Amino acid sequence: MTVRHDIDFPNSHAVLVGTARYEVGFGQVSMPAAANSLREMARILTDVGGWPSSRVTSFQDMGTKDAPLERVAATFHDVKDVLIFYYVGHGQLLVGNDLGLALTDTSEERRKRLSTSLRLSDLRLEMDHNCDARIKILILDCCCSGVATRYAQGADAGAAMQAAAELEGEGTYTWTACGHTQDAYFEPGIAGKTYFTKFISEVVRGGIVGGRPGLTISEVNREVRKRLRSVELEGVLVRPEPSLLFKGTSDSFILAPNVASPKLAKPNASPSSLAPEPQAESAEARRSRHREELSWLRRRIEELYQTHFTKPVPELVTASDIRAVRFTTVRLREGYDEDEVDALLDSIEEALRAWESGKLPTNQVTLQQVHYTQFTTVRLREGYDEEEVDALLDRVEEALIYYEGPAGRIQSSATEGE
């Protein structure tokens, strides 16, 4: 094991959480990749990263009855130097631009998600107010995890709410497996891992040839993104793009030594040699890198557009479907207020008609608005059947995920440019 002197390990803690078993939601189908990835993250920290096993704590398959927030938060309190929090499992969007980290008994039902999930906002508040770590690192390997970086950067009105729970410190990292409306993917089979954690492991264990003695999180993230671009994901329109947000004075935290660096082989190398050397990128190298990235992006956009977006997408709910829908009315049990539902559906129909014609909607009906809508419930007067309304809105969310993501943006941009 590498001996490191750049981390005060007695005052540091790596806290790893994973959910592989699902008893209520997600089809009650286990995810072996989550358990395997949880173990692998612990191994790369101890085998390569130099972390003592006593400072790495793993929680697997917790349910709401296990008081997960209380147990996890308790591990934050004594950290003064480096805190790493890692989660792997299912994730789903919650009200208030929040992310729900799934537990064994987490529900997918709209009205039960909040109360049965480990909420990202709660974790961030604990990390901010009850942890004095010098470096705080949040790693999320789950679907929709990009919400953690999207709204931390103020990309939505929800940023003002999220700002109250921003991580603060000498250096803070939020590292996610995918975008805010994207799925994260994993290898099939009992021995599979999530692709995000698998590629982190490959980069850390294999190192970066020609790189500096220490691997920063930014360097590892760049390599992981490259590998995700090349992996074959059957039936996936848009590949997940890991996201990294850093806030602090110097983006120089070493995740692990670079085992491929020749400098590590020097017999008299000092511990401080793990720190990245200040090497300015030449102007020509920077231009070359930008040209390569731009070329790849153009090819990818053209590939996506030609392969997928010149064709209709029949499986998505359409504006015509919304106009034609008729809900069962109920009176003796609770239902949704009909006027409120009709008003939202009118706006959804208008938005979908704009998207279908290749234009951006003007009425600003978004995935977030639909997802977080809560209708007034009525009884002893006519209301719409709640399950039927929820089922339709789930289909609307799927359509808006498509249209508001890179797929829809590319399609609308191409149409407007004609």
Protein backbone atom coordinates (compact mmCIF):
# COMPACT_ATOMS: atom_id res chain seq x y z
CA MET A 1 0.00 0.00 0.00
CA THR A 2 1.23 3.50 -0.87
CA VAL A 3 2.25 5.61 2.12
CA ARG A 4 0.81 9.08 1.80
CA HIS A 5 1.68 12.16 3.80
CA ASP A 6 -0.57 14.65 2.01
CA ILE A 7 -3.65 13.42 3.94
CA ASP A 8 -4.07 13.47 7.71
CA PHE A 9 -5.79 10.08 7.85
CA PRO A 10 -6.67 10.06 11.58
CA ASN A 11 -8.75 13.16 10.83
CA SER A 12 -10.14 11.94 7.50
CA HIS A 13 -12.93 9.55 6.56
CA ALA A 14 -14.24 7.89 3.39
CA VAL A 15 -17.91 7.00 3.75
CA LEU A 16 -19.31 4.66 1.11
CA VAL A 17 -23.01 3.84 0.72
CA GLY A 18 -24.52 1.37 -1.73
CA THR A 19 -27.94 -0.16 -2.32
CA ALA A 20 -28.07 -3.39 -4.30
CA ARG A 21 -31.27 -4.93 -2.91
CA TYR A 22 -34.71 -3.37 -3.55
CA GLU A 23 -37.77 -4.62 -1.69
CA VAL A 24 -40.36 -2.04 -2.81
CA GLY A 25 -39.42 -0.04 -5.90
CA PHE A 26 -37.42 -0.55 -9.10
CA GLY A 27 -39.24 -3.76 -9.90
CA GLN A 28 -37.85 -5.30 -6.72
CA VAL A 29 -34.89 -6.34 -8.87
CA SER A 30 -31.48 -6.54 -7.23
CA MET A 31 -28.50 -4.71 -8.69
CA PRO A 32 -25.35 -6.79 -8.11
CA ALA A 33 -23.33 -4.07 -9.87
CA ALA A 34 -24.02 -1.70 -6.96
CA ALA A 35 -22.63 -4.14 -4.37
CA ASN A 36 -19.61 -4.91 -6.56
CA SER A 37 -18.92 -1.22 -7.16
CA LEU A 38 -19.22 -0.42 -3.47
CA ARG A 39 -16.57 -3.03 -2.68
CA GLU A 40 -14.36 -1.90 -5.55
CA MET A 41 -14.41 1.73 -4.43
CA ALA A 42 -13.27 0.66 -0.98
CA ARG A 43 -10.51 -1.45 -2.53
CA ILE A 44 -9.10 1.26 -4.78
CA LEU A 45 -8.99 3.70 -1.87
CA THR A 46 -7.08 1.23 0.32
CA ASP A 47 -5.07 -0.66 -2.33
CA VAL A 48 -3.96 2.31 -4.42
CA GLY A 49 -5.16 5.48 -2.72
CA GLY A 50 -3.26 4.81 0.50
CA TRP A 51 -6.28 4.97 2.79
CA PRO A 52 -6.13 2.83 5.97
CA SER A 53 -9.05 0.42 6.07
CA SER A 54 -9.97 1.80 9.49
CA ARG A 55 -10.82 5.15 7.87
CA VAL A 56 -13.06 3.67 5.17
CA THR A 57 -16.62 2.86 6.26
CA SER A 58 -19.12 1.08 4.02
CA PHE A 59 -22.90 0.90 4.47
CA GLN A 60 -24.71 -1.56 2.22
CA ASP A 61 -28.45 -2.09 1.76
CA MET A 62 -29.79 0.27 4.40
CA GLY A 63 -33.53 0.89 4.70
CA THR A 64 -35.44 3.77 6.23
CA LYS A 65 -35.72 1.82 9.51
CA ASP A 66 -31.90 1.90 9.75
CA ALA A 67 -31.87 5.70 10.17
CA PRO A 68 -29.43 6.11 7.27
CA LEU A 69 -28.99 9.88 7.51
CA GLU A 70 -28.19 9.70 11.22
CA ARG A 71 -25.69 6.86 10.75
CA VAL A 72 -23.94 8.49 7.80
CA ALA A 73 -23.89 11.97 9.33
CA ALA A 74 -22.27 10.63 12.50
CA THR A 75 -19.20 9.65 10.44
CA PHE A 76 -18.80 13.26 9.26
CA HIS A 77 -18.50 14.89 12.65
CA ASP A 78 -14.88 14.09 13.49
CA VAL A 79 -13.46 14.87 10.04
CA LYS A 80 -11.04 17.80 9.91
CA ASP A 81 -9.00 17.01 6.82
CA VAL A 82 -10.55 14.98 3.95
CA LEU A 83 -14.12 13.69 3.69
CA ILE A 84 -15.21 11.44 0.81
CA PHE A 85 -18.86 10.48 0.47
CA TYR A 86 -19.73 7.97 -2.27
CA TYR A 87 -23.12 6.52 -3.22
CA VAL A 88 -23.95 3.81 -5.74
CA GLY A 89 -27.44 2.53 -6.54
CA HIS A 90 -30.66 3.90 -7.99
CA GLY A 91 -31.38 7.63 -7.90
CA GLN A 92 -34.51 9.62 -8.71
CA LEU A 93 -35.46 13.29 -8.85
CA LEU A 94 -37.26 14.80 -5.88
CA VAL A 95 -39.13 18.04 -5.34
CA GLY A 96 -37.00 21.16 -4.97
CA ASN A 97 -34.24 20.16 -7.43
CA ASP A 98 -33.24 17.45 -5.01
CA LEU A 99 -31.97 13.92 -5.58
CA GLY A 100 -33.22 10.84 -3.78
CA LEU A 101 -30.59 8.16 -3.14
CA ALA A 102 -32.48 4.89 -3.08
CA LEU A 103 -32.63 2.65 -0.03
CA THR A 104 -33.91 -0.92 0.10
CA ASP A 105 -37.47 0.26 0.78
CA THR A 106 -37.51 3.39 -1.41
CA SER A 107 -40.72 3.81 -3.39
CA GLU A 108 -41.02 5.07 -6.97
CA GLU A 109 -44.52 6.41 -6.30
CA ARG A 110 -44.62 10.18 -6.67
CA ARG A 111 -46.05 10.80 -3.19
CA LYS A 112 -43.71 8.40 -1.37
CA ARG A 113 -40.32 9.25 -2.89
CA LEU A 114 -39.46 12.00 -0.40
CA SER A 115 -40.19 10.02 2.74
CA THR A 116 -38.43 6.82 1.63
CA SER A 117 -35.18 8.19 0.13
CA LEU A 118 -31.85 9.36 1.51
CA ARG A 119 -32.02 12.95 0.29
CA LEU A 120 -29.00 14.68 -1.18
CA SER A 121 -30.05 18.03 0.30
CA ASP A 122 -29.95 16.55 3.81
CA LEU A 123 -26.48 15.11 3.22
CA ARG A 124 -25.18 18.41 1.90
CA LEU A 125 -26.51 20.30 4.91
CA GLU A 126 -24.78 17.82 7.22
CA MET A 127 -21.52 18.13 5.26
CA ASP A 128 -21.73 21.92 5.30
CA HIS A 129 -22.83 22.61 8.87
CA ASN A 130 -21.62 19.60 10.85
CA CYS A 131 -18.31 18.81 9.18
CA ASP A 132 -15.15 20.93 9.28
CA ALA A 133 -13.22 19.00 6.63
CA ARG A 134 -10.58 20.83 4.62
CA ILE A 135 -11.53 18.86 1.50
CA LYS A 136 -15.04 17.55 0.87
CA ILE A 137 -15.69 15.15 -2.00
CA LEU A 138 -19.18 14.01 -3.02
CA ILE A 139 -19.26 11.15 -5.57
CA LEU A 140 -22.66 10.04 -6.88
CA ASP A 141 -22.95 6.96 -9.10
CA CYS A 142 -26.67 6.84 -9.87
CA CYS A 143 -29.30 8.02 -12.33
CA CYS A 144 -30.10 11.76 -12.39
CA SER A 145 -26.99 12.44 -10.26
CA GLY A 146 -26.10 15.47 -12.41
CA VAL A 147 -28.77 17.44 -10.57
CA ALA A 148 -26.10 17.88 -7.88
CA THR A 149 -23.87 19.90 -10.21
CA ARG A 150 -26.52 21.40 -12.50
CA TYR A 151 -28.30 23.38 -9.80
CA ALA A 152 -25.15 24.07 -7.81
CA GLN A 153 -24.07 26.19 -10.79
CA GLY A 154 -27.23 28.25 -10.84
CA ALA A 155 -28.67 26.84 -14.06
CA ASP A 156 -32.21 27.04 -12.74
CA ALA A 157 -34.35 29.06 -10.38
CA GLY A 158 -33.86 26.25 -7.88
CA ALA A 159 -30.23 27.32 -7.51
CA ALA A 160 -31.19 29.87 -4.89
CA MET A 161 -32.66 27.11 -2.76
CA GLN A 162 -29.72 24.82 -3.37
CA ALA A 163 -27.20 27.55 -2.54
CA ALA A 164 -28.13 27.30 1.12
CA ALA A 165 -26.79 23.75 1.12
CA GLU A 166 -23.67 24.35 -0.99
CA LEU A 167 -20.55 22.62 0.23
CA GLU A 168 -17.93 25.01 1.52
CA GLY A 169 -14.31 24.54 2.46
CA GLU A 170 -10.79 24.86 1.14
CA GLY A 171 -11.76 22.64 -1.73
CA THR A 172 -15.03 20.88 -2.52
CA TYR A 173 -15.80 18.45 -5.33
CA THR A 174 -19.15 17.20 -6.60
CA TRP A 175 -18.59 14.37 -9.06
CA THR A 176 -21.51 12.65 -10.75
CA ALA A 177 -21.93 9.71 -13.11
CA CYS A 178 -24.35 11.42 -15.51
CA GLY A 179 -26.52 14.42 -16.26
CA HIS A 180 -29.58 15.52 -14.30
CA THR A 181 -32.03 13.75 -16.61
CA GLN A 182 -29.78 10.89 -17.67
CA ASP A 183 -29.54 7.28 -16.60
CA ALA A 184 -26.34 5.76 -15.27
CA TYR A 185 -25.54 2.30 -16.64
CA PHE A 186 -23.98 -0.88 -15.29
CA GLU A 187 -22.63 -4.16 -16.58
CA PRO A 188 -25.07 -7.09 -16.56
CA GLY A 189 -24.43 -10.25 -14.59
CA ILE A 190 -23.57 -11.10 -11.03
CA ALA A 191 -19.95 -9.89 -11.38
CA GLY A 192 -20.73 -6.61 -13.18
CA LYS A 193 -19.99 -3.10 -11.96
CA THR A 194 -21.39 0.30 -12.80
CA TYR A 195 -19.52 1.77 -15.74
CA PHE A 196 -18.69 4.97 -13.85
CA THR A 197 -17.03 3.18 -10.92
CA LYS A 198 -15.49 0.56 -13.20
CA PHE A 199 -13.70 3.21 -15.23
CA ILE A 200 -12.62 5.13 -12.13
CA SER A 201 -11.06 1.88 -10.92
CA GLU A 202 -9.37 1.21 -14.26
CA VAL A 203 -7.84 4.68 -14.39
CA VAL A 204 -6.65 4.59 -10.79
CA ARG A 205 -5.30 1.05 -10.97
CA GLY A 206 -3.70 1.51 -14.38
CA GLY A 207 -2.60 5.11 -14.03
CA ILE A 208 -2.13 7.63 -16.83
CA VAL A 209 0.98 7.02 -18.93
CA GLY A 210 3.08 10.16 -19.17
CA GLY A 211 1.09 11.82 -16.42
CA ARG A 212 2.24 13.45 -13.22
CA PRO A 213 2.98 11.42 -10.06
CA GLY A 214 -0.42 12.13 -8.54
CA LEU A 215 -3.84 11.70 -10.17
CA THR A 216 -6.17 14.61 -9.45
CA ILE A 217 -9.92 14.10 -9.56
CA SER A 218 -10.11 16.30 -12.66
CA GLU A 219 -7.57 14.13 -14.48
CA VAL A 220 -9.38 10.92 -13.54
CA ASN A 221 -12.69 12.44 -14.61
CA ARG A 222 -11.33 13.31 -18.06
CA GLU A 223 -10.13 9.75 -18.57
CA VAL A 224 -13.44 8.29 -17.36
CA ARG A 225 -15.36 10.50 -19.81
CA LYS A 226 -13.19 9.27 -22.69
CA ARG A 227 -13.83 5.63 -21.79
CA LEU A 228 -17.57 6.14 -21.45
CA ARG A 229 -17.65 7.58 -24.97
CA SER A 230 -16.24 4.36 -26.37
CA VAL A 231 -18.31 1.78 -24.48
CA GLU A 232 -21.15 0.12 -26.37
CA LEU A 233 -24.53 0.73 -24.70
CA GLU A 234 -27.25 -1.01 -26.66
CA GLY A 235 -30.35 1.07 -27.27
CA VAL A 236 -28.94 4.19 -25.58
CA LEU A 237 -29.56 7.37 -27.57
CA VAL A 238 -27.32 9.69 -25.58
CA ARG A 239 -24.45 8.37 -23.51
CA PRO A 240 -24.16 9.53 -19.89
CA GLU A 241 -21.65 12.33 -19.39
CA PRO A 242 -19.97 12.47 -15.97
CA SER A 243 -19.98 15.92 -14.43
CA LEU A 244 -17.44 17.47 -12.06
CA LEU A 245 -17.89 20.71 -10.14
CA PHE A 246 -15.02 22.10 -8.09
CA LYS A 247 -15.14 25.05 -5.75
CA GLY A 248 -12.13 26.20 -3.79
CA THR A 249 -8.70 27.73 -4.01
CA SER A 250 -6.79 25.06 -5.91
CA ASP A 251 -8.06 22.04 -7.83
CA SER A 252 -5.10 19.87 -6.83
CA PHE A 253 -6.38 17.14 -4.53
CA ILE A 254 -4.71 13.81 -5.28
CA LEU A 255 -7.23 10.98 -5.50
CA ALA A 256 -4.44 8.39 -5.84
CA PRO A 257 -0.80 8.12 -6.89
CA ASN A 258 -0.29 7.68 -10.63
CA VAL A 259 1.10 4.15 -10.81
CA ALA A 260 2.08 4.72 -14.44
CA SER A 261 4.29 7.70 -13.65
CA PRO A 262 8.03 6.95 -13.88
CA LYS A 263 8.68 9.39 -11.05
CA LEU A 264 7.11 7.00 -8.56
CA ALA A 265 9.92 4.56 -9.31
CA LYS A 266 12.62 6.93 -8.06
CA PRO A 267 14.11 5.45 -4.86
CA ASN A 268 14.53 8.80 -3.15
CA ALA A 269 11.25 10.36 -4.19
CA SER A 270 9.81 12.41 -1.36
CA PRO A 271 6.16 12.08 -0.27
CA SER A 272 5.49 15.60 -1.51
CA SER A 273 6.26 14.46 -5.04
CA LEU A 274 2.70 13.16 -5.22
CA ALA A 275 1.48 16.72 -5.52
CA PRO A 276 0.91 17.86 -9.10
CA GLU A 277 3.72 19.90 -10.58
CA PRO A 278 2.74 23.29 -11.95
CA GLN A 279 3.07 22.60 -15.67
CA ALA A 280 1.38 25.17 -17.88
CA GLU A 281 -0.22 23.75 -20.99
CA SER A 282 1.32 25.24 -24.10
CA ALA A 283 -0.86 27.33 -26.38
CA GLU A 284 -0.38 24.86 -29.24
CA ALA A 285 -1.27 21.88 -27.03
CA ARG A 286 -4.37 23.69 -25.80
CA ARG A 287 -5.47 24.53 -29.35
CA SER A 288 -4.87 20.94 -30.42
CA ARG A 289 -6.92 19.59 -27.51
CA HIS A 290 -9.75 22.02 -28.26
CA ARG A 291 -9.75 21.05 -31.95
CA GLU A 292 -9.90 17.36 -31.02
CA GLU A 293 -12.78 17.90 -28.57
CA LEU A 294 -14.70 20.06 -31.04
CA SER A 295 -14.21 17.54 -33.82
CA TRP A 296 -15.50 14.72 -31.61
CA LEU A 297 -18.51 16.79 -30.54
CA ARG A 298 -19.44 17.62 -34.14
CA ARG A 299 -19.17 13.99 -35.18
CA ARG A 300 -21.25 12.89 -32.21
CA ILE A 301 -24.01 15.44 -32.85
CA GLU A 302 -24.18 14.46 -36.51
CA GLU A 303 -24.27 10.77 -35.59
CA LEU A 304 -27.09 11.29 -33.08
CA TYR A 305 -29.12 13.45 -35.41
CA GLN A 306 -28.77 11.21 -38.45
CA THR A 307 -29.32 8.00 -36.51
CA HIS A 308 -32.16 8.95 -34.22
CA PHE A 309 -33.62 12.42 -34.51
CA THR A 310 -34.67 12.53 -38.14
CA LYS A 311 -37.25 9.88 -37.26
CA PRO A 312 -40.42 10.15 -35.17
CA VAL A 313 -40.33 8.75 -31.67
CA PRO A 314 -43.66 6.89 -31.46
CA GLU A 315 -43.21 5.58 -27.95
CA LEU A 316 -43.35 9.08 -26.45
CA VAL A 317 -46.65 10.60 -25.39
CA THR A 318 -47.76 13.26 -27.90
CA ALA A 319 -49.74 16.49 -27.81
CA SER A 320 -52.60 14.66 -29.51
CA ASP A 321 -52.54 12.02 -26.78
CA ILE A 322 -52.87 14.74 -24.16
CA ARG A 323 -55.82 16.34 -25.96
CA ALA A 324 -57.62 13.00 -26.33
CA VAL A 325 -57.13 11.76 -22.77
CA ARG A 326 -60.20 11.15 -20.60
CA PHE A 327 -59.83 10.33 -16.93
CA THR A 328 -62.21 8.37 -14.74
CA THR A 329 -64.04 10.68 -12.36
CA VAL A 330 -64.41 9.72 -8.71
CA ARG A 331 -66.58 11.13 -5.93
CA LEU A 332 -66.60 8.82 -2.90
CA ARG A 333 -62.81 8.59 -2.69
CA GLU A 334 -60.09 11.18 -3.05
CA GLY A 335 -59.34 12.50 -6.50
CA TYR A 336 -57.38 15.36 -8.04
CA ASP A 337 -59.01 18.74 -8.60
CA GLU A 338 -60.22 18.66 -12.22
CA ASP A 339 -59.55 22.34 -12.99
CA GLU A 340 -55.96 22.12 -11.78
CA VAL A 341 -55.27 18.97 -13.80
CA ASP A 342 -56.90 20.40 -16.94
CA ALA A 343 -54.88 23.61 -16.68
CA LEU A 344 -51.60 21.70 -16.45
CA LEU A 345 -52.55 19.41 -19.35
CA ASP A 346 -53.36 22.42 -21.55
CA SER A 347 -49.84 23.75 -20.92
CA ILE A 348 -48.29 20.33 -21.48
CA GLU A 349 -50.15 19.94 -24.77
CA GLU A 350 -48.86 23.32 -25.95
CA ALA A 351 -45.29 22.48 -24.95
CA LEU A 352 -45.32 19.04 -26.59
CA ARG A 353 -46.76 20.48 -29.81
CA ALA A 354 -43.87 22.95 -29.93
CA TRP A 355 -41.26 20.24 -29.30
CA GLU A 356 -42.84 17.98 -31.94
CA SER A 357 -42.58 20.76 -34.52
CA GLY A 358 -38.90 21.26 -33.71
CA LYS A 359 -39.34 24.50 -31.75
CA LEU A 360 -38.59 25.44 -28.18
CA PRO A 361 -41.76 25.89 -26.10
CA THR A 362 -42.66 29.43 -25.09
CA ASN A 363 -44.81 28.52 -22.11
CA GLN A 364 -41.88 27.19 -20.04
CA VAL A 365 -43.51 23.90 -18.97
CA THR A 366 -40.51 21.86 -17.86
CA LEU A 367 -39.72 18.42 -16.53
CA GLN A 368 -39.10 19.93 -13.10
CA GLN A 369 -42.50 21.66 -13.04
CA VAL A 370 -44.39 18.52 -14.04
CA HIS A 371 -42.41 16.33 -11.67
CA TYR A 372 -43.03 18.55 -8.65
CA THR A 373 -46.69 19.44 -9.30
CA GLN A 374 -49.01 18.59 -6.41
CA PHE A 375 -52.74 18.85 -7.04
CA THR A 376 -55.43 19.66 -4.52
CA THR A 377 -57.25 16.49 -3.50
CA VAL A 378 -61.06 16.57 -3.40
CA ARG A 379 -63.71 14.28 -1.97
CA LEU A 380 -67.51 14.22 -2.13
CA ARG A 381 -67.27 16.15 -5.37
CA GLU A 382 -66.01 14.99 -8.70
CA GLY A 383 -62.27 14.65 -9.18
CA TYR A 384 -59.95 12.77 -11.49
CA ASP A 385 -58.67 9.31 -10.57
CA GLU A 386 -55.27 9.89 -8.99
CA GLU A 387 -53.58 6.77 -10.35
CA GLU A 388 -54.63 7.55 -13.92
CA VAL A 389 -53.35 11.14 -13.69
CA ASP A 390 -50.05 10.03 -12.12
CA ALA A 391 -49.58 7.38 -14.81
CA LEU A 392 -50.05 9.96 -17.58
CA LEU A 393 -47.68 12.43 -15.93
CA ASP A 394 -45.05 9.70 -15.68
CA ARG A 395 -45.30 9.35 -19.48
CA VAL A 396 -45.10 13.13 -19.86
CA GLU A 397 -41.92 13.14 -17.76
CA GLU A 398 -40.38 10.54 -20.07
CA ALA A 399 -41.14 12.74 -23.08
CA LEU A 400 -39.74 15.87 -21.43
CA ILE A 401 -36.59 14.01 -20.39
CA TYR A 402 -36.09 13.27 -24.09
CA TYR A 403 -36.94 16.77 -25.34
CA GLU A 404 -35.12 18.73 -22.63
CA GLY A 405 -32.03 16.55 -22.86
CA PRO A 406 -29.38 16.64 -25.61
CA ALA A 407 -31.64 14.69 -27.97
CA GLY A 408 -34.43 17.23 -28.03
CA ARG A 409 -32.06 20.19 -28.01
CA ILE A 410 -30.19 18.85 -31.04
CA GLN A 411 -33.45 18.19 -32.89
CA SER A 412 -34.91 21.63 -32.20
CA SER A 413 -31.63 23.41 -33.00
CA ALA A 414 -31.35 21.57 -36.31
CA THR A 415 -34.95 22.42 -37.25
CA GLU A 416 -34.62 26.10 -36.34
CA GLY A 417 -31.44 26.37 -38.36
CA GLU A 418 -33.09 25.18 -41.59
